[in-house]
N, C-alpha and C. Protein backbone atom coordinates (compact mmCIF):
# COMPACT_ATOMS: atom_id res chain seq x y z
N MET A 1 76.97 99.61 94.52
CA MET A 1 77.93 100.44 94.92
C MET A 1 78.44 100.00 96.44
N ASN A 2 79.68 99.90 96.53
CA ASN A 2 80.18 99.43 97.92
C ASN A 2 80.63 100.70 98.69
N VAL A 3 80.24 100.61 100.02
CA VAL A 3 80.47 101.79 100.93
C VAL A 3 80.86 101.10 102.17
N THR A 4 81.54 101.94 103.03
CA THR A 4 81.95 101.46 104.26
C THR A 4 81.42 102.44 105.45
N LEU A 5 80.80 101.87 106.37
CA LEU A 5 80.34 102.74 107.52
C LEU A 5 81.45 102.46 108.52
N LYS A 6 82.16 103.58 108.72
CA LYS A 6 83.22 103.54 109.77
C LYS A 6 82.70 104.14 111.01
N LEU A 7 82.58 103.41 112.09
CA LEU A 7 81.96 103.71 113.25
C LEU A 7 82.99 104.13 114.28
N ASN A 8 82.77 105.36 114.87
CA ASN A 8 83.48 105.79 115.98
C ASN A 8 83.03 105.21 117.28
N ALA A 9 83.04 103.90 117.22
CA ALA A 9 82.52 103.04 118.33
C ALA A 9 83.39 102.00 118.67
N ARG A 10 83.47 101.90 120.04
CA ARG A 10 84.51 100.84 120.61
C ARG A 10 83.53 99.62 120.82
N LEU A 11 83.33 98.85 119.83
CA LEU A 11 82.41 97.72 119.95
C LEU A 11 83.26 96.26 119.76
N GLN A 12 83.12 95.43 120.57
CA GLN A 12 83.66 94.02 120.49
C GLN A 12 82.95 93.58 119.10
N PRO A 13 83.63 92.62 118.42
CA PRO A 13 83.06 92.09 117.31
C PRO A 13 81.52 91.57 117.58
N ARG A 14 81.39 90.77 118.64
CA ARG A 14 79.97 90.40 118.91
C ARG A 14 78.95 91.36 119.14
N HIS A 15 79.33 92.49 119.63
CA HIS A 15 78.40 93.72 119.76
C HIS A 15 78.20 94.41 118.40
N ARG A 16 79.34 94.45 117.61
CA ARG A 16 79.12 95.10 116.20
C ARG A 16 78.23 94.14 115.53
N PHE A 17 78.32 92.77 115.54
CA PHE A 17 77.37 91.92 114.93
C PHE A 17 75.96 92.26 115.12
N ASP A 18 75.57 92.64 116.34
CA ASP A 18 74.26 93.06 116.59
C ASP A 18 73.82 94.23 115.78
N LEU A 19 74.81 95.12 115.65
CA LEU A 19 74.51 96.43 114.86
C LEU A 19 74.28 96.08 113.30
N GLU A 20 75.33 95.15 112.89
CA GLU A 20 75.26 94.70 111.51
C GLU A 20 73.92 94.09 111.20
N ASP A 21 73.48 93.05 112.08
CA ASP A 21 72.19 92.47 111.86
C ASP A 21 70.90 93.50 111.89
N ALA A 22 70.96 94.52 112.64
CA ALA A 22 69.93 95.52 112.69
C ALA A 22 69.92 96.23 111.29
N LEU A 23 71.03 96.71 110.93
CA LEU A 23 71.23 97.41 109.68
C LEU A 23 70.85 96.53 108.52
N GLU A 24 71.25 95.26 108.47
CA GLU A 24 70.96 94.29 107.43
C GLU A 24 69.37 94.17 107.38
N GLU A 25 68.83 94.04 108.37
CA GLU A 25 67.39 93.94 108.41
C GLU A 25 66.72 95.09 107.67
N ILE A 26 67.17 96.36 108.17
CA ILE A 26 66.53 97.48 107.65
C ILE A 26 66.83 97.69 106.04
N LEU A 27 68.06 97.45 105.61
CA LEU A 27 68.48 97.44 104.22
C LEU A 27 67.62 96.45 103.33
N GLN A 28 67.44 95.33 103.84
CA GLN A 28 66.70 94.33 103.05
C GLN A 28 65.19 94.71 103.12
N ALA A 29 64.67 95.26 104.14
CA ALA A 29 63.22 95.59 104.16
C ALA A 29 62.93 96.63 103.21
N ILE A 30 63.79 97.62 102.91
CA ILE A 30 63.49 98.63 101.91
C ILE A 30 64.16 98.47 100.69
N ASP A 31 64.84 97.20 100.47
CA ASP A 31 65.58 96.75 99.25
C ASP A 31 66.72 97.95 98.82
N LEU A 32 67.35 98.33 99.83
CA LEU A 32 68.36 99.27 99.51
C LEU A 32 69.74 98.56 99.32
N GLY A 33 70.03 97.52 99.93
CA GLY A 33 71.39 96.90 99.78
C GLY A 33 71.54 95.88 100.91
N GLU A 34 72.79 95.50 101.10
CA GLU A 34 73.10 94.44 102.10
C GLU A 34 74.33 94.76 102.81
N VAL A 35 74.55 94.08 104.14
CA VAL A 35 75.80 94.18 104.80
C VAL A 35 76.61 93.08 104.24
N THR A 36 77.92 93.29 103.79
CA THR A 36 78.68 92.33 103.37
C THR A 36 79.95 91.95 104.20
N GLY A 37 80.20 92.58 105.31
CA GLY A 37 81.16 92.29 106.12
C GLY A 37 81.41 93.40 107.15
N GLY A 38 82.50 93.19 108.02
CA GLY A 38 82.81 94.17 108.93
C GLY A 38 84.16 93.98 109.54
N GLY A 39 84.62 94.82 110.35
CA GLY A 39 85.84 94.58 111.11
C GLY A 39 85.97 95.63 112.27
N THR A 40 86.99 95.27 113.21
CA THR A 40 87.29 95.92 114.39
C THR A 40 88.72 96.42 114.41
N GLY A 41 89.00 97.69 114.43
CA GLY A 41 90.33 98.15 114.67
C GLY A 41 90.73 98.19 115.98
N THR A 42 92.01 97.91 116.32
CA THR A 42 92.39 98.04 117.68
C THR A 42 93.60 98.91 117.80
N LYS A 43 94.01 99.37 119.02
CA LYS A 43 95.18 100.19 119.42
C LYS A 43 96.15 99.25 119.70
N PRO A 44 97.35 99.66 119.72
CA PRO A 44 98.55 98.82 120.15
C PRO A 44 98.31 98.02 121.37
N SER A 45 97.50 98.58 122.35
CA SER A 45 97.25 97.94 123.58
C SER A 45 96.13 96.80 123.48
N GLY A 46 95.71 96.76 122.38
CA GLY A 46 94.47 95.70 122.04
C GLY A 46 93.15 96.36 122.33
N GLU A 47 93.12 97.48 122.81
CA GLU A 47 91.75 98.08 123.14
C GLU A 47 91.22 98.48 121.72
N ILE A 48 89.87 98.37 121.75
CA ILE A 48 89.11 98.63 120.45
C ILE A 48 89.28 100.15 120.25
N ALA A 49 89.45 100.50 118.91
CA ALA A 49 89.65 101.87 118.53
C ALA A 49 88.48 102.22 117.61
N PHE A 50 88.00 101.38 116.69
CA PHE A 50 86.80 101.73 115.79
C PHE A 50 86.30 100.41 115.29
N CYS A 51 85.18 100.53 114.50
CA CYS A 51 84.63 99.33 113.84
C CYS A 51 84.22 99.88 112.35
N CYS A 52 84.23 98.86 111.61
CA CYS A 52 83.71 99.14 110.21
C CYS A 52 82.55 98.14 109.81
N ILE A 53 81.56 98.59 108.94
CA ILE A 53 80.64 97.63 108.41
C ILE A 53 80.55 98.06 106.94
N ASP A 54 80.77 96.82 106.17
CA ASP A 54 80.82 97.10 104.67
C ASP A 54 79.42 96.88 104.16
N ILE A 55 78.94 97.66 103.23
CA ILE A 55 77.69 97.69 102.71
C ILE A 55 77.70 97.71 101.18
N GLU A 56 76.96 96.85 100.56
CA GLU A 56 76.77 97.08 99.15
C GLU A 56 75.37 97.45 98.87
N LEU A 57 75.38 98.81 98.26
CA LEU A 57 74.00 99.38 97.85
C LEU A 57 73.70 98.79 96.48
N LYS A 58 72.35 98.66 96.32
CA LYS A 58 71.85 98.08 94.97
C LYS A 58 72.09 99.09 93.88
N LYS A 59 72.15 100.43 94.24
CA LYS A 59 72.17 101.50 93.12
C LYS A 59 73.42 102.34 93.49
N ASP A 60 73.96 102.81 92.43
CA ASP A 60 75.11 103.74 92.53
C ASP A 60 74.60 105.18 92.36
N ASP A 61 73.88 105.78 93.36
CA ASP A 61 73.36 107.04 93.01
C ASP A 61 73.28 107.84 94.52
N ASP A 62 73.05 109.15 94.27
CA ASP A 62 73.02 109.99 95.54
C ASP A 62 71.84 109.69 96.32
N GLU A 63 70.70 109.25 95.89
CA GLU A 63 69.65 109.00 96.70
C GLU A 63 69.76 107.81 97.51
N SER A 64 70.53 106.77 96.97
CA SER A 64 70.79 105.63 97.95
C SER A 64 71.68 105.97 99.11
N ILE A 65 72.73 106.84 98.83
CA ILE A 65 73.62 107.45 99.88
C ILE A 65 72.77 108.22 100.83
N ARG A 66 71.86 108.98 100.37
CA ARG A 66 70.93 109.93 101.29
C ARG A 66 70.19 108.97 102.20
N MET A 67 69.54 107.96 101.58
CA MET A 67 68.71 106.99 102.35
C MET A 67 69.56 106.35 103.46
N LEU A 68 70.75 105.78 103.03
CA LEU A 68 71.66 105.11 103.94
C LEU A 68 72.19 106.02 105.13
N THR A 69 72.37 107.36 104.74
CA THR A 69 72.76 108.41 105.84
C THR A 69 71.59 108.45 106.71
N LYS A 70 70.42 108.60 106.36
CA LYS A 70 69.22 108.82 107.15
C LYS A 70 69.04 107.56 108.11
N ILE A 71 69.10 106.33 107.47
CA ILE A 71 69.10 105.16 108.35
C ILE A 71 70.13 105.14 109.35
N VAL A 72 71.30 105.44 108.94
CA VAL A 72 72.47 105.36 110.04
C VAL A 72 72.20 106.32 111.12
N ASN A 73 71.76 107.47 110.87
CA ASN A 73 71.48 108.46 111.81
C ASN A 73 70.25 108.01 112.79
N GLU A 74 69.20 107.34 112.23
CA GLU A 74 68.04 106.81 112.97
C GLU A 74 68.54 105.64 113.91
N ILE A 75 69.44 104.88 113.59
CA ILE A 75 69.89 103.82 114.54
C ILE A 75 70.94 104.24 115.61
N GLU A 76 71.13 105.60 115.58
CA GLU A 76 71.92 106.36 116.56
C GLU A 76 73.24 105.74 116.85
N VAL A 77 74.17 105.95 115.82
CA VAL A 77 75.55 105.64 115.99
C VAL A 77 76.31 106.69 116.52
N PRO A 78 77.54 106.59 116.97
CA PRO A 78 78.30 107.69 117.66
C PRO A 78 78.65 108.76 116.64
N LYS A 79 78.76 109.93 117.33
CA LYS A 79 79.32 111.08 116.54
C LYS A 79 80.60 110.72 116.16
N GLY A 80 81.16 111.36 114.93
CA GLY A 80 82.55 111.03 114.55
C GLY A 80 82.51 109.96 113.64
N SER A 81 81.37 109.34 113.40
CA SER A 81 81.27 108.27 112.48
C SER A 81 81.08 108.75 111.04
N PHE A 82 81.37 107.94 110.01
CA PHE A 82 81.21 108.39 108.63
C PHE A 82 80.98 107.26 107.75
N ILE A 83 80.32 107.56 106.56
CA ILE A 83 80.03 106.66 105.50
C ILE A 83 81.08 107.04 104.46
N GLU A 84 81.89 106.04 104.26
CA GLU A 84 83.08 106.22 103.20
C GLU A 84 82.62 105.70 101.85
N THR A 85 82.58 106.60 100.80
CA THR A 85 82.38 106.27 99.42
C THR A 85 83.48 106.36 98.55
N GLN A 86 83.42 106.07 97.33
CA GLN A 86 84.50 106.17 96.52
C GLN A 86 85.00 107.62 96.39
N ASP A 87 83.89 108.66 96.50
CA ASP A 87 84.28 110.04 96.22
C ASP A 87 84.27 110.88 97.44
N ASP A 88 83.69 110.44 98.62
CA ASP A 88 83.53 111.37 99.74
C ASP A 88 83.33 110.59 100.96
N ASP A 89 83.70 111.18 102.14
CA ASP A 89 83.26 110.69 103.47
C ASP A 89 82.12 111.58 104.04
N ILE A 90 81.07 110.93 104.38
CA ILE A 90 79.82 111.72 104.94
C ILE A 90 79.71 111.40 106.39
N GLY A 91 79.87 112.45 106.96
CA GLY A 91 79.61 112.45 108.53
C GLY A 91 78.33 111.99 108.88
N VAL A 92 78.30 111.07 110.00
CA VAL A 92 77.00 110.58 110.56
C VAL A 92 77.24 110.42 111.91
N GLY A 93 76.17 110.27 112.77
CA GLY A 93 76.15 109.90 114.08
C GLY A 93 75.45 111.06 114.98
N THR A 94 74.75 110.54 115.94
CA THR A 94 74.08 111.47 116.96
C THR A 94 74.41 111.23 118.43
N GLN A 95 75.05 110.01 118.70
CA GLN A 95 75.28 109.60 120.11
C GLN A 95 76.64 110.19 120.59
N GLU A 96 76.71 110.53 121.74
CA GLU A 96 78.03 110.82 122.42
C GLU A 96 78.44 109.61 123.21
N GLY A 97 79.80 109.64 123.28
CA GLY A 97 80.56 108.40 123.94
C GLY A 97 81.20 108.75 125.08
N LEU A 98 81.21 107.72 126.10
CA LEU A 98 82.05 107.81 127.41
C LEU A 98 82.54 106.36 127.74
N ALA A 99 83.79 106.59 128.04
CA ALA A 99 84.49 105.19 128.38
C ALA A 99 84.85 105.54 129.88
N ILE A 100 84.54 104.50 130.79
CA ILE A 100 85.03 104.54 132.15
C ILE A 100 86.00 103.36 132.33
N TYR A 101 87.14 103.73 132.75
CA TYR A 101 88.17 102.90 133.00
C TYR A 101 88.41 102.43 134.29
N LEU A 102 88.07 101.20 134.76
CA LEU A 102 88.15 100.76 136.16
C LEU A 102 89.62 100.34 136.39
N ASN A 103 90.11 100.74 137.39
CA ASN A 103 91.59 100.50 137.71
C ASN A 103 91.55 98.98 138.19
N GLY A 104 92.35 98.27 137.44
CA GLY A 104 92.51 96.77 137.76
C GLY A 104 93.90 96.40 138.35
N THR A 105 94.57 97.41 138.94
CA THR A 105 95.89 97.01 139.62
C THR A 105 96.20 97.76 140.73
N ASP A 106 95.68 98.95 141.00
CA ASP A 106 96.19 99.70 142.09
C ASP A 106 95.29 99.76 143.33
N LEU A 107 94.02 99.17 143.37
CA LEU A 107 93.27 99.07 144.47
C LEU A 107 93.67 98.09 145.50
N PRO A 108 93.23 98.25 146.88
CA PRO A 108 93.53 97.22 147.79
C PRO A 108 93.01 95.79 147.20
N GLU A 109 93.87 94.82 147.45
CA GLU A 109 93.43 93.42 147.10
C GLU A 109 92.02 92.93 147.46
N ASP A 110 91.67 93.40 148.78
CA ASP A 110 90.38 93.00 149.25
C ASP A 110 89.26 93.49 148.43
N VAL A 111 89.47 94.69 147.65
CA VAL A 111 88.56 95.26 146.82
C VAL A 111 88.25 94.26 145.67
N TYR A 112 89.22 93.89 145.00
CA TYR A 112 89.11 92.93 143.90
C TYR A 112 88.47 91.69 144.40
N LYS A 113 88.81 91.18 145.62
CA LYS A 113 88.24 89.90 146.05
C LYS A 113 86.81 89.97 146.53
N SER A 114 86.49 91.08 147.05
CA SER A 114 84.99 91.28 147.44
C SER A 114 84.10 91.98 146.59
N CYS A 115 84.57 92.62 145.58
CA CYS A 115 83.69 93.38 144.58
C CYS A 115 83.38 92.51 143.32
N ASP A 116 82.41 92.80 142.70
CA ASP A 116 82.01 92.13 141.43
C ASP A 116 81.78 93.03 140.25
N ILE A 117 82.44 92.88 139.13
CA ILE A 117 82.35 93.82 137.97
C ILE A 117 80.84 93.92 137.47
N ASN A 118 80.25 92.81 137.56
CA ASN A 118 78.81 92.86 137.13
C ASN A 118 77.92 93.72 138.05
N HIS A 119 78.39 93.84 139.33
CA HIS A 119 77.47 94.82 140.11
C HIS A 119 77.92 96.21 139.87
N ALA A 120 79.21 96.46 139.61
CA ALA A 120 79.51 97.73 139.09
C ALA A 120 78.95 98.26 137.86
N ILE A 121 78.83 97.32 136.93
CA ILE A 121 78.19 97.58 135.61
C ILE A 121 76.66 97.94 135.97
N ASP A 122 76.02 97.19 136.82
CA ASP A 122 74.56 97.46 137.12
C ASP A 122 74.41 98.94 137.79
N ILE A 123 75.31 99.25 138.59
CA ILE A 123 75.28 100.47 139.35
C ILE A 123 75.46 101.57 138.32
N LEU A 124 76.36 101.39 137.42
CA LEU A 124 76.80 102.47 136.53
C LEU A 124 75.59 102.75 135.42
N SER A 125 75.17 101.44 135.00
CA SER A 125 74.16 101.43 134.02
C SER A 125 72.72 102.17 134.39
N GLN A 126 72.42 101.70 135.60
CA GLN A 126 71.27 102.25 136.23
C GLN A 126 71.33 103.77 136.33
N ALA A 127 72.59 104.30 136.63
CA ALA A 127 72.76 105.73 136.85
C ALA A 127 72.36 106.55 135.48
N VAL A 128 72.77 105.93 134.37
CA VAL A 128 72.58 106.67 133.15
C VAL A 128 71.36 106.21 132.36
N GLU A 129 70.54 105.32 132.97
CA GLU A 129 69.31 104.89 132.27
C GLU A 129 68.40 106.08 131.80
N GLY A 130 68.05 106.03 130.61
CA GLY A 130 67.24 107.03 130.01
C GLY A 130 68.04 108.13 129.20
N ILE A 131 69.36 108.09 129.48
CA ILE A 131 70.31 109.11 128.89
C ILE A 131 71.32 108.27 127.98
N GLY A 132 71.71 107.05 128.61
CA GLY A 132 72.78 106.35 127.78
C GLY A 132 72.72 104.81 128.09
N SER A 133 73.46 104.02 127.49
CA SER A 133 73.49 102.66 127.70
C SER A 133 74.88 102.03 127.55
N LEU A 134 75.16 100.98 128.17
CA LEU A 134 76.55 100.38 127.97
C LEU A 134 76.35 99.49 126.56
N TYR A 135 77.27 99.71 125.72
CA TYR A 135 77.27 99.08 124.43
C TYR A 135 78.32 97.98 124.33
N SER A 136 79.45 98.16 125.01
CA SER A 136 80.58 97.21 125.03
C SER A 136 81.48 97.45 126.01
N PHE A 137 82.59 96.60 126.07
CA PHE A 137 83.54 96.64 126.98
C PHE A 137 84.92 96.16 126.57
N TRP A 138 85.90 96.38 127.28
CA TRP A 138 87.23 95.80 126.97
C TRP A 138 87.97 95.42 128.25
N GLU A 139 88.62 94.32 128.38
CA GLU A 139 89.24 93.97 129.43
C GLU A 139 90.76 93.96 129.09
N GLY A 140 91.59 94.89 129.76
CA GLY A 140 93.07 94.98 129.39
C GLY A 140 93.81 94.43 130.73
N ASN A 141 95.08 94.56 130.66
CA ASN A 141 96.05 94.10 131.88
C ASN A 141 95.89 94.82 132.96
N GLU A 142 95.56 96.25 132.69
CA GLU A 142 95.66 97.18 133.92
C GLU A 142 94.22 97.79 134.20
N ALA A 143 93.37 97.66 133.30
CA ALA A 143 92.03 98.29 133.44
C ALA A 143 91.08 97.52 132.76
N THR A 144 89.75 97.82 133.09
CA THR A 144 88.50 97.25 132.32
C THR A 144 87.81 98.59 131.87
N ALA A 145 87.53 98.64 130.54
CA ALA A 145 86.80 99.91 130.05
C ALA A 145 85.53 99.36 129.73
N LEU A 146 84.46 100.28 130.07
CA LEU A 146 83.14 100.14 129.81
C LEU A 146 82.74 101.34 128.92
N TYR A 147 82.30 101.10 127.77
CA TYR A 147 81.83 101.93 126.75
C TYR A 147 80.34 102.25 126.88
N TYR A 148 79.90 103.49 127.11
CA TYR A 148 78.65 103.92 127.20
C TYR A 148 78.38 104.88 126.00
N TYR A 149 77.15 104.96 125.43
CA TYR A 149 76.82 105.91 124.35
C TYR A 149 75.49 106.36 124.61
N GLY A 150 75.22 107.72 124.51
CA GLY A 150 73.95 108.24 124.77
C GLY A 150 73.78 109.68 124.35
N SER A 151 72.81 110.36 124.77
CA SER A 151 72.30 111.69 124.24
C SER A 151 73.42 112.93 124.74
N SER A 152 74.00 112.60 125.96
CA SER A 152 74.90 113.66 126.31
C SER A 152 75.96 113.07 127.29
N PHE A 153 77.31 113.42 126.73
CA PHE A 153 78.39 113.12 127.46
C PHE A 153 78.45 113.65 128.88
N GLU A 154 78.04 114.94 128.93
CA GLU A 154 78.26 115.59 130.16
C GLU A 154 77.31 115.13 131.19
N GLU A 155 75.99 114.71 130.77
CA GLU A 155 74.94 114.17 131.77
C GLU A 155 75.53 112.84 132.13
N MET A 156 76.09 111.96 131.18
CA MET A 156 76.51 110.68 131.59
C MET A 156 77.66 110.66 132.55
N GLU A 157 78.62 111.54 132.27
CA GLU A 157 79.75 111.69 133.06
C GLU A 157 79.40 112.25 134.46
N LYS A 158 78.53 113.08 134.69
CA LYS A 158 78.06 113.62 135.99
C LYS A 158 77.49 112.36 136.74
N LEU A 159 76.38 111.71 136.15
CA LEU A 159 75.83 110.64 136.78
C LEU A 159 76.75 109.42 137.07
N ILE A 160 77.49 109.16 136.13
CA ILE A 160 78.53 107.94 136.44
C ILE A 160 79.54 108.24 137.51
N LYS A 161 79.92 109.52 137.53
CA LYS A 161 80.87 109.94 138.62
C LYS A 161 80.34 109.81 140.00
N GLU A 162 79.04 110.28 140.06
CA GLU A 162 78.22 110.15 141.39
C GLU A 162 78.05 108.62 141.72
N ALA A 163 77.65 107.87 140.68
CA ALA A 163 77.35 106.42 140.95
C ALA A 163 78.75 105.75 141.35
N ALA A 164 79.79 106.08 140.72
CA ALA A 164 81.09 105.52 140.99
C ALA A 164 81.61 105.60 142.40
N LYS A 165 81.27 106.68 142.98
CA LYS A 165 81.53 106.89 144.26
C LYS A 165 80.92 105.87 145.38
N THR A 166 79.96 105.18 144.96
CA THR A 166 79.13 104.38 145.76
C THR A 166 79.78 102.84 145.89
N TYR A 167 80.78 102.51 144.93
CA TYR A 167 81.16 101.07 144.85
C TYR A 167 82.73 101.16 144.84
N PRO A 168 83.29 100.42 145.84
CA PRO A 168 84.84 100.46 145.83
C PRO A 168 85.55 100.08 144.45
N LEU A 169 85.03 99.14 143.93
CA LEU A 169 85.70 98.81 142.63
C LEU A 169 85.71 99.97 141.47
N CYS A 170 85.06 100.99 141.77
CA CYS A 170 85.12 102.16 140.91
C CYS A 170 86.05 103.15 141.36
N ASP A 171 86.66 103.00 142.52
CA ASP A 171 87.69 103.95 143.06
C ASP A 171 88.90 104.03 141.99
N GLU A 172 89.27 105.19 142.02
CA GLU A 172 90.57 105.63 141.05
C GLU A 172 90.18 105.27 139.47
N CYS A 173 89.00 105.34 139.14
CA CYS A 173 88.42 105.15 137.66
C CYS A 173 88.92 106.39 136.97
N ARG A 174 88.74 106.25 135.67
CA ARG A 174 89.14 107.29 134.75
C ARG A 174 88.03 107.38 133.76
N ILE A 175 87.62 108.57 133.38
CA ILE A 175 86.41 108.77 132.48
C ILE A 175 87.00 109.57 131.20
N GLU A 176 86.61 109.17 130.09
CA GLU A 176 87.19 109.73 128.82
C GLU A 176 85.98 109.91 127.82
N ARG A 177 85.97 111.06 127.09
CA ARG A 177 85.03 111.23 126.05
C ARG A 177 85.50 110.44 124.90
N ILE A 178 84.64 109.64 124.28
CA ILE A 178 85.06 108.93 123.21
C ILE A 178 84.23 109.11 121.91
N ALA A 179 83.30 109.91 121.95
CA ALA A 179 82.44 110.34 120.72
C ALA A 179 81.65 111.58 121.12
C-alpha cells in the first residue's frame, strides 16, 4: 500500500533527507515497508511550505497504518502533519513550530557587515535548548527564516524574543507560529 506522509514542516530537501533516512531505518528494522521518495513544496516566494515523504507499506491493512502512525508520532513530526492514504487522511504530529524571520534589508549597513548569521543561530538555538531545535532555514531576498520545532511554541517564542534582544542582527525580526 502506498501512502504519503505530508509534513507540516519547512525543511530544505537536505534536511528532509535526514528524516527520510531515519524513517527508512525504522521501517526496514520492523519489516513494515520502505521510503520510496519525497518532495518539498514551496510558496510563490520560494519559501518552503511543506514536505512529503512517500512510503510503500508491505501490507494493505489497518494494523500497518496504526504502526506507521505510532512511529511517525514517536519521531516527533510537527502538528498539522498527516498520513494520506487512499481512503483517509490521518492526523499526526506532536511538535510545535516557530519561524523567526531576520530582517535582511532594513537594518543599518554596519549591522550586516559586523554581525554573523551563525552567531545569531547559536544565540537563538541555545535559548531554546531542551525545548526546541533548529531544523532548517530559508534565505530569501528580504529575510532569512530559521525554523524551530519543539514542545511549546509559547515557550520557544518567549525565549527567542529575549535572546533576539541581545544581538543586533535580530533587530526588527518577525516571529510566526508554523505548527
